[in-house]
Amino acid sequence: MIDIANVVELVPNPNIPPLNPGDTVRVHSKVVESGRERTQVYEGVVIRIRRAGSQSSFTVRRVTHSVGIERTYLYHSPRLEKVEVTRRALVRRAKLYYLRELRGKAARLKEKPRDRR
């Protein structure tokens, strides 16, 4: 039997636009360091989107000092302040794990043509 009093309805974060794999995004998240809270910006390419209800998440990859770093963010997390899409890429896969093996110019993605409206 389900206790209806403990059911919480999921509300999607209005600060997260629709994302697709290959999008370059700038994620603003709240970070707690030594008791203080600040906003940290992380920019990279969305390599994976996992749609699973309350556990929906997206993974962002960036390369810093020739080391690839991936961070996974939950869609329904209160720690996410906002997500900005800086560019959209043309990709033919749902998961871009092949970018992990590519280096330098080989890891570039073609930009998606903009709508002319």
C-alpha atoms as a PDB file:
ATOM      1  CA  MET A   1       0.000   0.000   0.000  1.00  0.00           C
ATOM      2  CA  ILE A   2       1.349   3.443  -0.950  1.00  0.00           C
ATOM      3  CA  ASP A   3       1.223   6.212   1.618  1.00  0.00           C
ATOM      4  CA  ILE A   4      -0.133   9.179  -0.347  1.00  0.00           C
ATOM      5  CA  ALA A   5       1.065  11.691   2.263  1.00  0.00           C
ATOM      6  CA  ASN A   6       4.735  10.920   1.448  1.00  0.00           C
ATOM      7  CA  VAL A   7       4.451  11.166  -2.341  1.00  0.00           C
ATOM      8  CA  VAL A   8       6.386  14.125  -3.737  1.00  0.00           C
ATOM      9  CA  GLU A   9       5.643  15.380  -7.226  1.00  0.00           C
ATOM     10  CA  LEU A  10       8.677  16.017  -9.406  1.00  0.00           C
ATOM     11  CA  VAL A  11       8.849  19.489 -10.827  1.00  0.00           C
ATOM     12  CA  PRO A  12      11.309  19.947 -13.703  1.00  0.00           C
ATOM     13  CA  ASN A  13      13.886  22.671 -13.189  1.00  0.00           C
ATOM     14  CA  PRO A  14      12.789  25.642 -15.351  1.00  0.00           C
ATOM     15  CA  ASN A  15      16.434  26.792 -15.673  1.00  0.00           C
ATOM     16  CA  ILE A  16      17.427  23.706 -17.698  1.00  0.00           C
ATOM     17  CA  PRO A  17      16.615  24.026 -21.417  1.00  0.00           C
ATOM     18  CA  PRO A  18      16.033  20.949 -23.613  1.00  0.00           C
ATOM     19  CA  LEU A  19      19.434  19.289 -24.077  1.00  0.00           C
ATOM     20  CA  ASN A  20      20.776  16.976 -26.753  1.00  0.00           C
ATOM     21  CA  PRO A  21      24.012  14.996 -26.992  1.00  0.00           C
ATOM     22  CA  GLY A  22      26.717  17.109 -28.601  1.00  0.00           C
ATOM     23  CA  ASP A  23      25.535  20.392 -27.090  1.00  0.00           C
ATOM     24  CA  THR A  24      28.205  22.555 -25.507  1.00  0.00           C
ATOM     25  CA  VAL A  25      26.764  23.738 -22.215  1.00  0.00           C
ATOM     26  CA  ARG A  26      27.742  25.976 -19.332  1.00  0.00           C
ATOM     27  CA  VAL A  27      26.435  24.497 -16.058  1.00  0.00           C
ATOM     28  CA  HIS A  28      26.092  26.781 -13.017  1.00  0.00           C
ATOM     29  CA  SER A  29      25.970  24.676  -9.849  1.00  0.00           C
ATOM     30  CA  LYS A  30      26.062  25.490  -6.156  1.00  0.00           C
ATOM     31  CA  VAL A  31      29.138  24.195  -4.301  1.00  0.00           C
ATOM     32  CA  VAL A  32      29.675  24.197  -0.531  1.00  0.00           C
ATOM     33  CA  GLU A  33      33.295  24.798   0.527  1.00  0.00           C
ATOM     34  CA  SER A  34      34.277  25.268   4.170  1.00  0.00           C
ATOM     35  CA  GLY A  35      30.763  26.232   5.184  1.00  0.00           C
ATOM     36  CA  ARG A  36      30.320  28.807   2.417  1.00  0.00           C
ATOM     37  CA  GLU A  37      28.200  28.342  -0.666  1.00  0.00           C
ATOM     38  CA  ARG A  38      29.272  29.625  -4.073  1.00  0.00           C
ATOM     39  CA  THR A  39      28.395  29.114  -7.729  1.00  0.00           C
ATOM     40  CA  GLN A  40      30.767  27.079  -9.865  1.00  0.00           C
ATOM     41  CA  VAL A  41      30.618  27.171 -13.659  1.00  0.00           C
ATOM     42  CA  TYR A  42      31.538  24.042 -15.629  1.00  0.00           C
ATOM     43  CA  GLU A  43      31.612  24.145 -19.432  1.00  0.00           C
ATOM     44  CA  GLY A  44      31.823  21.121 -21.706  1.00  0.00           C
ATOM     45  CA  VAL A  45      30.091  18.835 -24.204  1.00  0.00           C
ATOM     46  CA  VAL A  46      27.046  16.747 -23.284  1.00  0.00           C
ATOM     47  CA  ILE A  47      28.088  13.169 -24.056  1.00  0.00           C
ATOM     48  CA  ARG A  48      25.169  11.344 -22.461  1.00  0.00           C
ATOM     49  CA  ILE A  49      21.573  11.967 -21.445  1.00  0.00           C
ATOM     50  CA  ARG A  50      19.819   9.457 -19.221  1.00  0.00           C
ATOM     51  CA  ARG A  51      16.054   9.839 -19.058  1.00  0.00           C
ATOM     52  CA  ALA A  52      14.825   7.853 -16.080  1.00  0.00           C
ATOM     53  CA  GLY A  53      12.157   9.850 -14.277  1.00  0.00           C
ATOM     54  CA  SER A  54      13.458  11.171 -10.977  1.00  0.00           C
ATOM     55  CA  GLN A  55      16.957   9.806 -11.685  1.00  0.00           C
ATOM     56  CA  SER A  56      17.293  11.589 -15.055  1.00  0.00           C
ATOM     57  CA  SER A  57      20.800  12.918 -15.573  1.00  0.00           C
ATOM     58  CA  PHE A  58      23.207  14.286 -18.151  1.00  0.00           C
ATOM     59  CA  THR A  59      26.991  13.921 -18.352  1.00  0.00           C
ATOM     60  CA  VAL A  60      29.235  16.802 -19.402  1.00  0.00           C
ATOM     61  CA  ARG A  61      32.822  16.252 -20.583  1.00  0.00           C
ATOM     62  CA  ARG A  62      35.635  18.764 -20.834  1.00  0.00           C
ATOM     63  CA  VAL A  63      39.374  18.478 -21.419  1.00  0.00           C
ATOM     64  CA  THR A  64      41.646  20.511 -19.135  1.00  0.00           C
ATOM     65  CA  HIS A  65      45.453  20.290 -19.286  1.00  0.00           C
ATOM     66  CA  SER A  66      45.105  17.285 -21.628  1.00  0.00           C
ATOM     67  CA  VAL A  67      43.050  15.376 -19.033  1.00  0.00           C
ATOM     68  CA  GLY A  68      39.417  14.573 -19.771  1.00  0.00           C
ATOM     69  CA  ILE A  69      37.007  15.216 -16.897  1.00  0.00           C
ATOM     70  CA  GLU A  70      33.368  14.119 -16.873  1.00  0.00           C
ATOM     71  CA  ARG A  71      30.716  15.271 -14.428  1.00  0.00           C
ATOM     72  CA  THR A  72      27.195  13.920 -14.143  1.00  0.00           C
ATOM     73  CA  TYR A  73      24.365  16.214 -13.082  1.00  0.00           C
ATOM     74  CA  LEU A  74      20.852  15.253 -12.005  1.00  0.00           C
ATOM     75  CA  TYR A  75      18.014  17.069 -13.779  1.00  0.00           C
ATOM     76  CA  HIS A  76      15.971  17.436 -10.593  1.00  0.00           C
ATOM     77  CA  SER A  77      18.841  18.506  -8.341  1.00  0.00           C
ATOM     78  CA  PRO A  78      18.320  21.683  -6.283  1.00  0.00           C
ATOM     79  CA  ARG A  79      22.088  22.300  -6.624  1.00  0.00           C
ATOM     80  CA  LEU A  80      21.727  23.248 -10.305  1.00  0.00           C
ATOM     81  CA  GLU A  81      21.168  26.977 -10.700  1.00  0.00           C
ATOM     82  CA  LYS A  82      21.016  27.129 -14.488  1.00  0.00           C
ATOM     83  CA  VAL A  83      22.279  25.521 -17.672  1.00  0.00           C
ATOM     84  CA  GLU A  84      23.146  27.580 -20.759  1.00  0.00           C
ATOM     85  CA  VAL A  85      23.531  26.021 -24.208  1.00  0.00           C
ATOM     86  CA  THR A  86      26.380  27.829 -25.982  1.00  0.00           C
ATOM     87  CA  ARG A  87      26.377  25.791 -29.207  1.00  0.00           C
ATOM     88  CA  ARG A  88      24.610  22.800 -30.703  1.00  0.00           C
ATOM     89  CA  ALA A  89      26.489  20.139 -32.646  1.00  0.00           C
ATOM     90  CA  LEU A  90      25.414  17.778 -35.385  1.00  0.00           C
ATOM     91  CA  VAL A  91      25.820  14.215 -34.057  1.00  0.00           C
ATOM     92  CA  ARG A  92      24.523  10.829 -35.154  1.00  0.00           C
ATOM     93  CA  ARG A  93      24.728   8.971 -31.849  1.00  0.00           C
ATOM     94  CA  ALA A  94      22.795   9.123 -28.591  1.00  0.00           C
ATOM     95  CA  LYS A  95      25.908   8.462 -26.486  1.00  0.00           C
ATOM     96  CA  LEU A  96      29.164  10.143 -27.486  1.00  0.00           C
ATOM     97  CA  TYR A  97      31.550   7.839 -25.626  1.00  0.00           C
ATOM     98  CA  TYR A  98      33.840   7.741 -28.669  1.00  0.00           C
ATOM     99  CA  LEU A  99      35.009  11.277 -27.768  1.00  0.00           C
ATOM    100  CA  ARG A 100      36.971   9.739 -24.870  1.00  0.00           C
ATOM    101  CA  GLU A 101      39.504   8.232 -27.282  1.00  0.00           C
ATOM    102  CA  LEU A 102      39.822  11.272 -29.565  1.00  0.00           C
ATOM    103  CA  ARG A 103      42.380  14.032 -29.001  1.00  0.00           C
ATOM    104  CA  GLY A 104      42.788  17.588 -30.274  1.00  0.00           C
ATOM    105  CA  LYS A 105      41.165  18.534 -33.553  1.00  0.00           C
ATOM    106  CA  ALA A 106      39.806  15.017 -34.044  1.00  0.00           C
ATOM    107  CA  ALA A 107      37.479  15.567 -31.075  1.00  0.00           C
ATOM    108  CA  ARG A 108      35.726  18.545 -32.681  1.00  0.00           C
ATOM    109  CA  LEU A 109      32.045  18.289 -33.559  1.00  0.00           C
ATOM    110  CA  LYS A 110      30.361  19.972 -36.522  1.00  0.00           C
ATOM    111  CA  GLU A 111      28.047  22.793 -35.551  1.00  0.00           C
ATOM    112  CA  LYS A 112      24.364  22.331 -36.260  1.00  0.00           C
ATOM    113  CA  PRO A 113      22.975  24.853 -38.760  1.00  0.00           C
ATOM    114  CA  ARG A 114      20.746  27.466 -37.132  1.00  0.00           C
ATOM    115  CA  ASP A 115      17.046  27.806 -37.923  1.00  0.00           C
ATOM    116  CA  ARG A 116      16.246  30.705 -40.234  1.00  0.00           C
ATOM    117  CA  ARG A 117      13.115  32.154 -38.697  1.00  0.00           C
END
